[in-house]
Amino acid sequence: MPFRPRSVVAHGALTGEYARWEADARAGRQPAPAIWKGLQTAILRLKLDGQWGEVIPPRHIPAHFRSRYGVENLYCVDLASFHRLFYTILDRDVILLDIVDHATYDEWFPGSRR
């Protein structure tokens, strides 16, 4: 049986970026429309199964997430244009943490072949 979270919310640090993606998508600035659509689809799927994303093993969680958010668990979802959404589960809530591009992902996960 899938884990149904109580809520799916953006972390306070992501809300400004989230609003920027939405504004850029509405304005048609590429690649925002595709990323925004993928993000909305991901949120709907996460509401049905909070563990839908790819699990990042604890030993591979980048320092960025440990120091900035203090996370113990981390999940990743692929979005359009080689962007990725990272989230964590806290209690019964899914917390969206970051949307990053391919270059940032490669910095955090050097040598990974995805």
Protein backbone atom coordinates (compact mmCIF):
# COMPACT_ATOMS: atom_id res chain seq x y z
CA MET A 1 0.00 0.00 0.00
CA PRO A 2 1.49 3.41 -0.95
CA PHE A 3 2.32 6.03 1.63
CA ARG A 4 -0.28 8.81 1.36
CA PRO A 5 1.14 12.01 2.85
CA ARG A 6 -0.99 14.40 4.85
CA SER A 7 0.29 17.25 2.67
CA VAL A 8 2.77 18.14 -0.07
CA VAL A 9 4.26 21.59 0.56
CA ALA A 10 7.19 23.67 -0.63
CA HIS A 11 9.84 24.43 1.96
CA GLY A 12 10.01 28.13 2.78
CA ALA A 13 13.37 28.34 1.00
CA LEU A 14 11.74 27.07 -2.21
CA THR A 15 8.64 29.27 -2.30
CA GLY A 16 10.38 32.14 -4.15
CA GLU A 17 11.86 29.79 -6.72
CA TYR A 18 8.52 28.02 -7.06
CA ALA A 19 6.81 31.36 -7.81
CA ARG A 20 9.53 32.20 -10.36
CA TRP A 21 9.00 28.90 -12.19
CA GLU A 22 5.27 29.55 -12.31
CA ALA A 23 5.71 33.13 -13.59
CA ASP A 24 8.23 32.04 -16.23
CA ALA A 25 5.93 29.21 -17.34
CA ARG A 26 2.96 31.59 -17.68
CA ALA A 27 5.14 33.96 -19.70
CA GLY A 28 6.28 31.09 -21.94
CA ARG A 29 9.98 31.50 -21.09
CA GLN A 30 11.68 28.26 -22.06
CA PRO A 31 12.21 25.74 -20.52
CA ALA A 32 9.88 26.80 -17.68
CA PRO A 33 6.55 25.62 -19.18
CA ALA A 34 7.74 22.01 -19.47
CA ILE A 35 9.40 22.05 -16.05
CA TRP A 36 6.29 23.63 -14.46
CA LYS A 37 4.01 21.04 -16.05
CA GLY A 38 6.29 18.23 -14.86
CA LEU A 39 6.37 19.72 -11.37
CA GLN A 40 2.58 19.83 -11.20
CA THR A 41 2.38 16.21 -12.36
CA ALA A 42 4.99 15.20 -9.78
CA ILE A 43 3.03 16.91 -6.99
CA LEU A 44 -0.13 15.02 -7.99
CA ARG A 45 1.77 11.73 -7.96
CA LEU A 46 3.37 12.54 -4.61
CA LYS A 47 -0.07 13.14 -3.11
CA LEU A 48 -0.92 9.56 -4.06
CA ASP A 49 2.40 8.05 -3.02
CA GLY A 50 4.88 10.12 -1.04
CA GLN A 51 7.65 7.63 -1.71
CA TRP A 52 7.21 7.74 -5.48
CA GLY A 53 10.59 9.41 -6.18
CA GLU A 54 13.97 7.78 -6.35
CA VAL A 55 15.49 7.22 -2.91
CA ILE A 56 18.89 8.82 -2.34
CA PRO A 57 20.81 6.51 0.01
CA PRO A 58 21.70 8.28 3.29
CA ARG A 59 25.44 8.05 2.64
CA HIS A 60 24.95 9.88 -0.71
CA ILE A 61 22.83 12.78 0.57
CA PRO A 62 24.76 15.94 -0.39
CA ALA A 63 26.03 18.22 2.37
CA HIS A 64 23.78 20.96 0.95
CA PHE A 65 20.69 19.10 2.14
CA ARG A 66 22.16 18.05 5.49
CA SER A 67 23.38 21.52 6.42
CA ARG A 68 20.59 23.64 4.92
CA TYR A 69 17.59 21.45 5.76
CA GLY A 70 18.89 18.86 8.22
CA VAL A 71 17.33 16.01 6.23
CA GLU A 72 17.72 12.35 7.09
CA ASN A 73 15.91 11.10 3.98
CA LEU A 74 15.97 12.45 0.45
CA TYR A 75 14.11 11.63 -2.75
CA CYS A 76 14.64 12.80 -6.32
CA VAL A 77 12.21 13.16 -9.24
CA ASP A 78 13.31 13.83 -12.82
CA LEU A 79 11.71 16.82 -14.49
CA ALA A 80 11.91 18.16 -18.05
CA SER A 81 15.06 19.76 -19.50
CA PHE A 82 17.35 17.77 -17.22
CA HIS A 83 16.04 19.41 -14.05
CA ARG A 84 15.37 17.51 -10.84
CA LEU A 85 13.11 18.01 -7.87
CA PHE A 86 14.38 16.98 -4.44
CA TYR A 87 12.09 16.36 -1.50
CA THR A 88 12.03 14.82 1.95
CA ILE A 89 9.40 13.25 4.16
CA LEU A 90 8.92 14.68 7.64
CA ASP A 91 6.34 13.01 9.84
CA ARG A 92 3.44 12.51 7.38
CA ASP A 93 4.28 15.44 5.11
CA VAL A 94 6.21 15.67 1.86
CA ILE A 95 8.42 18.78 1.82
CA LEU A 96 9.68 19.99 -1.57
CA LEU A 97 13.25 21.24 -1.10
CA ASP A 98 14.96 22.19 -4.36
CA ILE A 99 14.58 22.24 -8.12
CA VAL A 100 18.03 22.06 -9.71
CA ASP A 101 19.51 21.95 -13.18
CA HIS A 102 21.80 19.29 -14.58
CA ALA A 103 25.01 21.15 -13.69
CA THR A 104 24.05 21.45 -10.02
CA TYR A 105 22.99 17.82 -9.91
CA ASP A 106 26.37 16.78 -11.35
CA GLU A 107 28.16 18.83 -8.67
CA TRP A 108 26.21 17.13 -5.91
CA PHE A 109 26.45 13.63 -7.40
CA PRO A 110 29.80 13.50 -9.24
CA GLY A 111 30.33 10.45 -11.39
CA SER A 112 26.70 9.35 -11.36
CA ARG A 113 25.42 8.04 -14.66
CA ARG A 114 21.75 8.96 -15.00
